[in-house]
PDB file of all heavy atoms in Angstrom:
ATOM      1  N   PHE A   1     -23.608 150.130  14.103  1.00  0.00           N
ATOM      2  CA  PHE A   1     -23.501 150.697  12.750  1.00  0.00           C
ATOM      3  C   PHE A   1     -24.055 152.117  12.656  1.00  0.00           C
ATOM      4  O   PHE A   1     -24.824 152.460  11.765  1.00  0.00           O
ATOM      5  CB  PHE A   1     -24.186 149.777  11.730  1.00  0.00           C
ATOM      6  CG  PHE A   1     -23.812 148.327  11.894  1.00  0.00           C
ATOM      7  CD1 PHE A   1     -24.774 147.387  12.227  1.00  0.00           C
ATOM      8  CD2 PHE A   1     -22.491 147.903  11.745  1.00  0.00           C
ATOM      9  CE1 PHE A   1     -24.441 146.049  12.386  1.00  0.00           C
ATOM     10  CE2 PHE A   1     -22.149 146.562  11.900  1.00  0.00           C
ATOM     11  CZ  PHE A   1     -23.120 145.639  12.226  1.00  0.00           C
ATOM     12  N   TRP A   2     -23.609 152.977  13.578  1.00  0.00           N
ATOM     13  CA  TRP A   2     -24.054 154.366  13.605  1.00  0.00           C
ATOM     14  C   TRP A   2     -23.362 155.168  12.510  1.00  0.00           C
ATOM     15  O   TRP A   2     -22.196 154.937  12.188  1.00  0.00           O
ATOM     16  CB  TRP A   2     -23.766 154.975  14.973  1.00  0.00           C
ATOM     17  CG  TRP A   2     -24.476 154.256  16.073  1.00  0.00           C
ATOM     18  CD1 TRP A   2     -24.013 153.194  16.788  1.00  0.00           C
ATOM     19  CD2 TRP A   2     -25.790 154.522  16.551  1.00  0.00           C
ATOM     20  NE1 TRP A   2     -24.956 152.786  17.694  1.00  0.00           N
ATOM     21  CE2 TRP A   2     -26.061 153.577  17.583  1.00  0.00           C
ATOM     22  CE3 TRP A   2     -26.770 155.470  16.229  1.00  0.00           C
ATOM     23  CZ2 TRP A   2     -27.260 153.562  18.269  1.00  0.00           C
ATOM     24  CZ3 TRP A   2     -27.965 155.455  16.924  1.00  0.00           C
ATOM     25  CH2 TRP A   2     -28.205 154.507  17.930  1.00  0.00           C
ATOM     26  N   LYS A   3     -24.065 156.121  11.948  1.00  0.00           N
ATOM     27  CA  LYS A   3     -23.495 156.997  10.932  1.00  0.00           C
ATOM     28  C   LYS A   3     -22.298 157.757  11.512  1.00  0.00           C
ATOM     29  O   LYS A   3     -22.359 158.277  12.624  1.00  0.00           O
ATOM     30  CB  LYS A   3     -24.542 157.993  10.435  1.00  0.00           C
ATOM     31  CG  LYS A   3     -25.626 157.369   9.581  1.00  0.00           C
ATOM     32  CD  LYS A   3     -26.643 158.399   9.107  1.00  0.00           C
ATOM     33  CE  LYS A   3     -27.743 157.739   8.297  1.00  0.00           C
ATOM     34  NZ  LYS A   3     -28.787 158.710   7.883  1.00  0.00           N
ATOM     35  N   GLY A   4     -21.225 157.785  10.752  1.00  0.00           N
ATOM     36  CA  GLY A   4     -20.049 158.530  11.182  1.00  0.00           C
ATOM     37  C   GLY A   4     -19.052 157.729  11.990  1.00  0.00           C
ATOM     38  O   GLY A   4     -17.929 158.188  12.223  1.00  0.00           O
ATOM     39  N   GLU A   5     -19.418 156.522  12.430  1.00  0.00           N
ATOM     40  CA  GLU A   5     -18.469 155.731  13.207  1.00  0.00           C
ATOM     41  C   GLU A   5     -17.530 154.968  12.266  1.00  0.00           C
ATOM     42  O   GLU A   5     -17.812 154.792  11.072  1.00  0.00           O
ATOM     43  CB  GLU A   5     -19.195 154.759  14.128  1.00  0.00           C
ATOM     44  CG  GLU A   5     -19.785 153.557  13.434  1.00  0.00           C
ATOM     45  CD  GLU A   5     -20.358 152.515  14.392  1.00  0.00           C
ATOM     46  OE1 GLU A   5     -20.551 152.824  15.580  1.00  0.00           O
ATOM     47  OE2 GLU A   5     -20.622 151.389  13.936  1.00  0.00           O
ATOM     48  N   ASP A   6     -16.412 154.526  12.794  1.00  0.00           N
ATOM     49  CA  ASP A   6     -15.463 153.723  12.030  1.00  0.00           C
ATOM     50  C   ASP A   6     -16.157 152.442  11.569  1.00  0.00           C
ATOM     51  O   ASP A   6     -16.720 151.706  12.369  1.00  0.00           O
ATOM     52  CB  ASP A   6     -14.262 153.391  12.925  1.00  0.00           C
ATOM     53  CG  ASP A   6     -13.136 152.687  12.180  1.00  0.00           C
ATOM     54  OD1 ASP A   6     -13.350 152.223  11.034  1.00  0.00           O
ATOM     55  OD2 ASP A   6     -12.039 152.578  12.755  1.00  0.00           O
ATOM     56  N   ALA A   7     -16.112 152.178  10.258  1.00  0.00           N
ATOM     57  CA  ALA A   7     -16.825 151.027   9.703  1.00  0.00           C
ATOM     58  C   ALA A   7     -16.078 149.715   9.879  1.00  0.00           C
ATOM     59  O   ALA A   7     -16.649 148.645   9.645  1.00  0.00           O
ATOM     60  CB  ALA A   7     -17.106 151.255   8.219  1.00  0.00           C
ATOM     61  N   THR A   8     -14.811 149.763  10.294  1.00  0.00           N
ATOM     62  CA  THR A   8     -14.047 148.528  10.437  1.00  0.00           C
ATOM     63  C   THR A   8     -14.535 147.734  11.647  1.00  0.00           C
ATOM     64  O   THR A   8     -14.935 148.298  12.672  1.00  0.00           O
ATOM     65  CB  THR A   8     -12.550 148.814  10.592  1.00  0.00           C
ATOM     66  OG1 THR A   8     -12.338 149.624  11.761  1.00  0.00           O
ATOM     67  CG2 THR A   8     -12.007 149.543   9.374  1.00  0.00           C
ATOM     68  N   ILE A   9     -14.510 146.412  11.509  1.00  0.00           N
ATOM     69  CA  ILE A   9     -14.961 145.539  12.597  1.00  0.00           C
ATOM     70  C   ILE A   9     -13.732 145.069  13.363  1.00  0.00           C
ATOM     71  O   ILE A   9     -13.149 144.019  13.091  1.00  0.00           O
ATOM     72  CB  ILE A   9     -15.790 144.374  12.044  1.00  0.00           C
ATOM     73  CG1 ILE A   9     -17.018 144.931  11.305  1.00  0.00           C
ATOM     74  CG2 ILE A   9     -16.257 143.446  13.169  1.00  0.00           C
ATOM     75  CD1 ILE A   9     -17.878 143.895  10.649  1.00  0.00           C
ATOM     76  N   THR A  10     -13.314 145.892  14.310  1.00  0.00           N
ATOM     77  CA  THR A  10     -12.122 145.638  15.115  1.00  0.00           C
ATOM     78  C   THR A  10     -12.441 145.924  16.573  1.00  0.00           C
ATOM     79  O   THR A  10     -13.466 146.516  16.901  1.00  0.00           O
ATOM     80  CB  THR A  10     -10.953 146.541  14.665  1.00  0.00           C
ATOM     81  OG1 THR A  10     -11.359 147.919  14.796  1.00  0.00           O
ATOM     82  CG2 THR A  10     -10.557 146.277  13.215  1.00  0.00           C
ATOM     83  N   GLY A  11     -11.543 145.502  17.454  1.00  0.00           N
ATOM     84  CA  GLY A  11     -11.651 145.844  18.865  1.00  0.00           C
ATOM     85  C   GLY A  11     -12.971 145.462  19.488  1.00  0.00           C
ATOM     86  O   GLY A  11     -13.450 144.324  19.359  1.00  0.00           O
ATOM     87  N   MET A  12     -13.585 146.408  20.174  1.00  0.00           N
ATOM     88  CA  MET A  12     -14.830 146.170  20.901  1.00  0.00           C
ATOM     89  C   MET A  12     -15.940 145.693  19.969  1.00  0.00           C
ATOM     90  O   MET A  12     -16.691 144.767  20.297  1.00  0.00           O
ATOM     91  CB  MET A  12     -15.259 147.450  21.609  1.00  0.00           C
ATOM     92  CG  MET A  12     -16.548 147.349  22.402  1.00  0.00           C
ATOM     93  SD  MET A  12     -16.938 148.906  23.251  1.00  0.00           S
ATOM     94  CE  MET A  12     -17.417 149.931  21.850  1.00  0.00           C
ATOM     95  N   LYS A  13     -16.053 146.330  18.790  1.00  0.00           N
ATOM     96  CA  LYS A  13     -17.100 145.938  17.848  1.00  0.00           C
ATOM     97  C   LYS A  13     -16.899 144.487  17.398  1.00  0.00           C
ATOM     98  O   LYS A  13     -17.855 143.716  17.290  1.00  0.00           O
ATOM     99  CB  LYS A  13     -17.109 146.868  16.640  1.00  0.00           C
ATOM    100  CG  LYS A  13     -18.262 146.607  15.679  1.00  0.00           C
ATOM    101  CD  LYS A  13     -18.120 147.399  14.387  1.00  0.00           C
ATOM    102  CE  LYS A  13     -18.252 148.868  14.616  1.00  0.00           C
ATOM    103  NZ  LYS A  13     -18.241 149.630  13.324  1.00  0.00           N
ATOM    104  N   ARG A  14     -15.661 144.095  17.121  1.00  0.00           N
ATOM    105  CA  ARG A  14     -15.376 142.721  16.701  1.00  0.00           C
ATOM    106  C   ARG A  14     -15.764 141.730  17.791  1.00  0.00           C
ATOM    107  O   ARG A  14     -16.378 140.693  17.511  1.00  0.00           O
ATOM    108  CB  ARG A  14     -13.897 142.555  16.353  1.00  0.00           C
ATOM    109  CG  ARG A  14     -13.518 141.106  15.986  1.00  0.00           C
ATOM    110  CD  ARG A  14     -12.017 140.958  15.783  1.00  0.00           C
ATOM    111  NE  ARG A  14     -11.679 139.572  15.457  1.00  0.00           N
ATOM    112  CZ  ARG A  14     -11.492 138.608  16.342  1.00  0.00           C
ATOM    113  NH1 ARG A  14     -11.604 138.872  17.658  1.00  0.00           N
ATOM    114  NH2 ARG A  14     -11.185 137.375  15.954  1.00  0.00           N
ATOM    115  N   ARG A  15     -15.408 142.033  19.041  1.00  0.00           N
ATOM    116  CA  ARG A  15     -15.722 141.110  20.139  1.00  0.00           C
ATOM    117  C   ARG A  15     -17.226 140.925  20.289  1.00  0.00           C
ATOM    118  O   ARG A  15     -17.707 139.812  20.499  1.00  0.00           O
ATOM    119  CB  ARG A  15     -15.102 141.626  21.442  1.00  0.00           C
ATOM    120  CG  ARG A  15     -13.580 141.557  21.470  1.00  0.00           C
ATOM    121  CD  ARG A  15     -13.036 141.826  22.863  1.00  0.00           C
ATOM    122  NE  ARG A  15     -13.301 143.184  23.316  1.00  0.00           N
ATOM    123  CZ  ARG A  15     -12.499 144.233  23.072  1.00  0.00           C
ATOM    124  NH1 ARG A  15     -11.391 144.074  22.344  1.00  0.00           N
ATOM    125  NH2 ARG A  15     -12.794 145.430  23.535  1.00  0.00           N
ATOM    126  N   ARG A  16     -17.964 142.004  20.184  1.00  0.00           N
ATOM    127  CA  ARG A  16     -19.419 141.910  20.316  1.00  0.00           C
ATOM    128  C   ARG A  16     -20.028 141.073  19.185  1.00  0.00           C
ATOM    129  O   ARG A  16     -20.820 140.157  19.437  1.00  0.00           O
ATOM    130  CB  ARG A  16     -20.027 143.319  20.299  1.00  0.00           C
ATOM    131  CG  ARG A  16     -19.733 144.155  21.540  1.00  0.00           C
ATOM    132  CD  ARG A  16     -20.263 145.561  21.361  1.00  0.00           C
ATOM    133  NE  ARG A  16     -20.198 146.350  22.586  1.00  0.00           N
ATOM    134  CZ  ARG A  16     -20.658 147.593  22.688  1.00  0.00           C
ATOM    135  NH1 ARG A  16     -21.208 148.187  21.630  1.00  0.00           N
ATOM    136  NH2 ARG A  16     -20.570 148.250  23.827  1.00  0.00           N
ATOM    137  N   ILE A  17     -19.665 141.411  17.960  1.00  0.00           N
ATOM    138  CA  ILE A  17     -20.241 140.712  16.813  1.00  0.00           C
ATOM    139  C   ILE A  17     -19.789 139.257  16.772  1.00  0.00           C
ATOM    140  O   ILE A  17     -20.580 138.352  16.448  1.00  0.00           O
ATOM    141  CB  ILE A  17     -19.899 141.453  15.502  1.00  0.00           C
ATOM    142  CG1 ILE A  17     -20.598 142.821  15.503  1.00  0.00           C
ATOM    143  CG2 ILE A  17     -20.309 140.639  14.281  1.00  0.00           C
ATOM    144  CD1 ILE A  17     -20.227 143.706  14.330  1.00  0.00           C
ATOM    145  N   LYS A  18     -18.548 139.000  17.145  1.00  0.00           N
ATOM    146  CA  LYS A  18     -18.037 137.630  17.200  1.00  0.00           C
ATOM    147  C   LYS A  18     -18.862 136.785  18.170  1.00  0.00           C
ATOM    148  O   LYS A  18     -19.232 135.637  17.866  1.00  0.00           O
ATOM    149  CB  LYS A  18     -16.567 137.629  17.620  1.00  0.00           C
ATOM    150  CG  LYS A  18     -15.908 136.254  17.680  1.00  0.00           C
ATOM    151  CD  LYS A  18     -14.406 136.429  17.960  1.00  0.00           C
ATOM    152  CE  LYS A  18     -13.677 135.081  17.966  1.00  0.00           C
ATOM    153  NZ  LYS A  18     -13.951 134.293  19.175  1.00  0.00           N
ATOM    154  N   ALA A  19     -19.180 137.354  19.326  1.00  0.00           N
ATOM    155  CA  ALA A  19     -19.980 136.620  20.315  1.00  0.00           C
ATOM    156  C   ALA A  19     -21.377 136.326  19.778  1.00  0.00           C
ATOM    157  O   ALA A  19     -21.908 135.222  19.968  1.00  0.00           O
ATOM    158  CB  ALA A  19     -20.066 137.419  21.612  1.00  0.00           C
ATOM    159  N   LEU A  20     -21.976 137.281  19.094  1.00  0.00           N
ATOM    160  CA  LEU A  20     -23.299 137.056  18.509  1.00  0.00           C
ATOM    161  C   LEU A  20     -23.259 135.949  17.461  1.00  0.00           C
ATOM    162  O   LEU A  20     -24.096 135.041  17.459  1.00  0.00           O
ATOM    163  CB  LEU A  20     -23.819 138.347  17.869  1.00  0.00           C
ATOM    164  CG  LEU A  20     -24.182 139.496  18.818  1.00  0.00           C
ATOM    165  CD1 LEU A  20     -24.430 140.772  18.028  1.00  0.00           C
ATOM    166  CD2 LEU A  20     -25.407 139.152  19.660  1.00  0.00           C
ATOM    167  N   LEU A  21     -22.263 136.007  16.575  1.00  0.00           N
ATOM    168  CA  LEU A  21     -22.180 135.027  15.491  1.00  0.00           C
ATOM    169  C   LEU A  21     -21.845 133.633  16.017  1.00  0.00           C
ATOM    170  O   LEU A  21     -22.409 132.638  15.555  1.00  0.00           O
ATOM    171  CB  LEU A  21     -21.138 135.473  14.466  1.00  0.00           C
ATOM    172  CG  LEU A  21     -21.476 136.755  13.686  1.00  0.00           C
ATOM    173  CD1 LEU A  21     -20.303 137.157  12.798  1.00  0.00           C
ATOM    174  CD2 LEU A  21     -22.736 136.575  12.857  1.00  0.00           C
ATOM    175  N   GLU A  22     -20.945 133.557  16.981  1.00  0.00           N
ATOM    176  CA  GLU A  22     -20.554 132.246  17.523  1.00  0.00           C
ATOM    177  C   GLU A  22     -21.733 131.543  18.186  1.00  0.00           C
ATOM    178  O   GLU A  22     -21.811 130.311  18.178  1.00  0.00           O
ATOM    179  CB  GLU A  22     -19.408 132.406  18.516  1.00  0.00           C
ATOM    180  CG  GLU A  22     -18.060 132.646  17.856  1.00  0.00           C
ATOM    181  CD  GLU A  22     -16.934 132.702  18.874  1.00  0.00           C
ATOM    182  OE1 GLU A  22     -17.213 132.884  20.085  1.00  0.00           O
ATOM    183  OE2 GLU A  22     -15.770 132.565  18.460  1.00  0.00           O
ATOM    184  N   HIS A  23     -22.644 132.324  18.769  1.00  0.00           N
ATOM    185  CA  HIS A  23     -23.788 131.724  19.472  1.00  0.00           C
ATOM    186  C   HIS A  23     -25.083 131.832  18.656  1.00  0.00           C
ATOM    187  O   HIS A  23     -26.155 131.507  19.169  1.00  0.00           O
ATOM    188  CB  HIS A  23     -23.952 132.375  20.845  1.00  0.00           C
ATOM    189  CG  HIS A  23     -22.830 132.044  21.786  1.00  0.00           C
ATOM    190  ND1 HIS A  23     -21.656 132.765  21.815  1.00  0.00           N
ATOM    191  CD2 HIS A  23     -22.686 131.035  22.679  1.00  0.00           C
ATOM    192  CE1 HIS A  23     -20.842 132.229  22.713  1.00  0.00           C
ATOM    193  NE2 HIS A  23     -21.449 131.182  23.256  1.00  0.00           N
ATOM    194  N   ASP A  24     -24.947 132.274  17.406  1.00  0.00           N
ATOM    195  CA  ASP A  24     -26.077 132.293  16.475  1.00  0.00           C
ATOM    196  C   ASP A  24     -27.243 133.106  17.034  1.00  0.00           C
ATOM    197  O   ASP A  24     -28.413 132.708  16.955  1.00  0.00           O
ATOM    198  CB  ASP A  24     -26.525 130.865  16.159  1.00  0.00           C
ATOM    199  CG  ASP A  24     -27.090 130.722  14.750  1.00  0.00           C
ATOM    200  OD1 ASP A  24     -26.874 131.645  13.938  1.00  0.00           O
ATOM    201  OD2 ASP A  24     -27.751 129.703  14.487  1.00  0.00           O
ATOM    202  N   ILE A  25     -26.923 134.281  17.612  1.00  0.00           N
ATOM    203  CA  ILE A  25     -27.932 135.144  18.226  1.00  0.00           C
ATOM    204  C   ILE A  25     -28.252 136.311  17.292  1.00  0.00           C
ATOM    205  O   ILE A  25     -27.359 137.018  16.830  1.00  0.00           O
ATOM    206  CB  ILE A  25     -27.444 135.684  19.586  1.00  0.00           C
ATOM    207  CG1 ILE A  25     -27.204 134.535  20.567  1.00  0.00           C
ATOM    208  CG2 ILE A  25     -28.446 136.674  20.168  1.00  0.00           C
ATOM    209  CD1 ILE A  25     -26.599 134.977  21.885  1.00  0.00           C
ATOM    210  N   ASN A  26     -29.528 136.504  17.025  1.00  0.00           N
ATOM    211  CA  ASN A  26     -29.975 137.651  16.246  1.00  0.00           C
ATOM    212  C   ASN A  26     -29.864 138.930  17.074  1.00  0.00           C
ATOM    213  O   ASN A  26     -30.132 138.915  18.286  1.00  0.00           O
ATOM    214  CB  ASN A  26     -31.451 137.493  15.844  1.00  0.00           C
ATOM    215  CG  ASN A  26     -31.683 136.332  14.908  1.00  0.00           C
ATOM    216  OD1 ASN A  26     -31.428 136.427  13.721  1.00  0.00           O
ATOM    217  ND2 ASN A  26     -32.178 135.209  15.452  1.00  0.00           N
ATOM    218  N   LEU A  27     -29.503 140.026  16.423  1.00  0.00           N
ATOM    219  CA  LEU A  27     -29.543 141.332  17.073  1.00  0.00           C
ATOM    220  C   LEU A  27     -30.499 142.227  16.295  1.00  0.00           C
ATOM    221  O   LEU A  27     -30.303 142.492  15.102  1.00  0.00           O
ATOM    222  CB  LEU A  27     -28.159 141.987  17.116  1.00  0.00           C
ATOM    223  CG  LEU A  27     -28.156 143.420  17.667  1.00  0.00           C
ATOM    224  CD1 LEU A  27     -28.554 143.438  19.144  1.00  0.00           C
ATOM    225  CD2 LEU A  27     -26.790 144.088  17.481  1.00  0.00           C
ATOM    226  N   LEU A  28     -31.547 142.678  16.988  1.00  0.00           N
ATOM    227  CA  LEU A  28     -32.493 143.627  16.412  1.00  0.00           C
ATOM    228  C   LEU A  28     -32.428 144.916  17.223  1.00  0.00           C
ATOM    229  O   LEU A  28     -32.385 144.876  18.469  1.00  0.00           O
ATOM    230  CB  LEU A  28     -33.917 143.083  16.435  1.00  0.00           C
ATOM    231  CG  LEU A  28     -34.169 141.808  15.636  1.00  0.00           C
ATOM    232  CD1 LEU A  28     -34.166 140.595  16.561  1.00  0.00           C
ATOM    233  CD2 LEU A  28     -35.483 141.889  14.881  1.00  0.00           C
ATOM    234  N   ALA A  29     -32.396 146.056  16.516  1.00  0.00           N
ATOM    235  CA  ALA A  29     -32.276 147.343  17.194  1.00  0.00           C
ATOM    236  C   ALA A  29     -33.212 148.361  16.555  1.00  0.00           C
ATOM    237  O   ALA A  29     -33.348 148.414  15.329  1.00  0.00           O
ATOM    238  CB  ALA A  29     -30.837 147.838  17.125  1.00  0.00           C
ATOM    239  N   TYR A  30     -33.844 149.149  17.405  1.00  0.00           N
ATOM    240  CA  TYR A  30     -34.754 150.199  16.940  1.00  0.00           C
ATOM    241  C   TYR A  30     -34.464 151.468  17.736  1.00  0.00           C
ATOM    242  O   TYR A  30     -34.636 151.494  18.958  1.00  0.00           O
ATOM    243  CB  TYR A  30     -36.211 149.762  17.118  1.00  0.00           C
ATOM    244  CG  TYR A  30     -36.573 148.625  16.192  1.00  0.00           C
ATOM    245  CD1 TYR A  30     -36.365 147.304  16.588  1.00  0.00           C
ATOM    246  CD2 TYR A  30     -37.054 148.866  14.911  1.00  0.00           C
ATOM    247  CE1 TYR A  30     -36.656 146.249  15.731  1.00  0.00           C
ATOM    248  CE2 TYR A  30     -37.346 147.820  14.051  1.00  0.00           C
ATOM    249  CZ  TYR A  30     -37.143 146.510  14.466  1.00  0.00           C
ATOM    250  OH  TYR A  30     -37.420 145.477  13.607  1.00  0.00           O
ATOM    251  N   HIS A  31     -34.032 152.504  17.032  1.00  0.00           N
ATOM    252  CA  HIS A  31     -33.617 153.744  17.679  1.00  0.00           C
ATOM    253  C   HIS A  31     -34.772 154.753  17.678  1.00  0.00           C
ATOM    254  O   HIS A  31     -35.673 154.665  18.510  1.00  0.00           O
ATOM    255  CB  HIS A  31     -32.351 154.283  17.000  1.00  0.00           C
ATOM    256  CG  HIS A  31     -31.797 155.495  17.660  1.00  0.00           C
ATOM    257  ND1 HIS A  31     -31.514 156.646  16.960  1.00  0.00           N
ATOM    258  CD2 HIS A  31     -31.501 155.748  18.953  1.00  0.00           C
ATOM    259  CE1 HIS A  31     -31.051 157.551  17.808  1.00  0.00           C
ATOM    260  NE2 HIS A  31     -31.031 157.042  19.019  1.00  0.00           N
TER     261      HIS A  31
END
């Protein structure tokens, strides 16, 4: 969810998020 990136959840972003949700895995990020 970087500023300026395409906000749609498609392609690579969809596959990543789908895998997290299907396996009920939390994602925490600190930049």
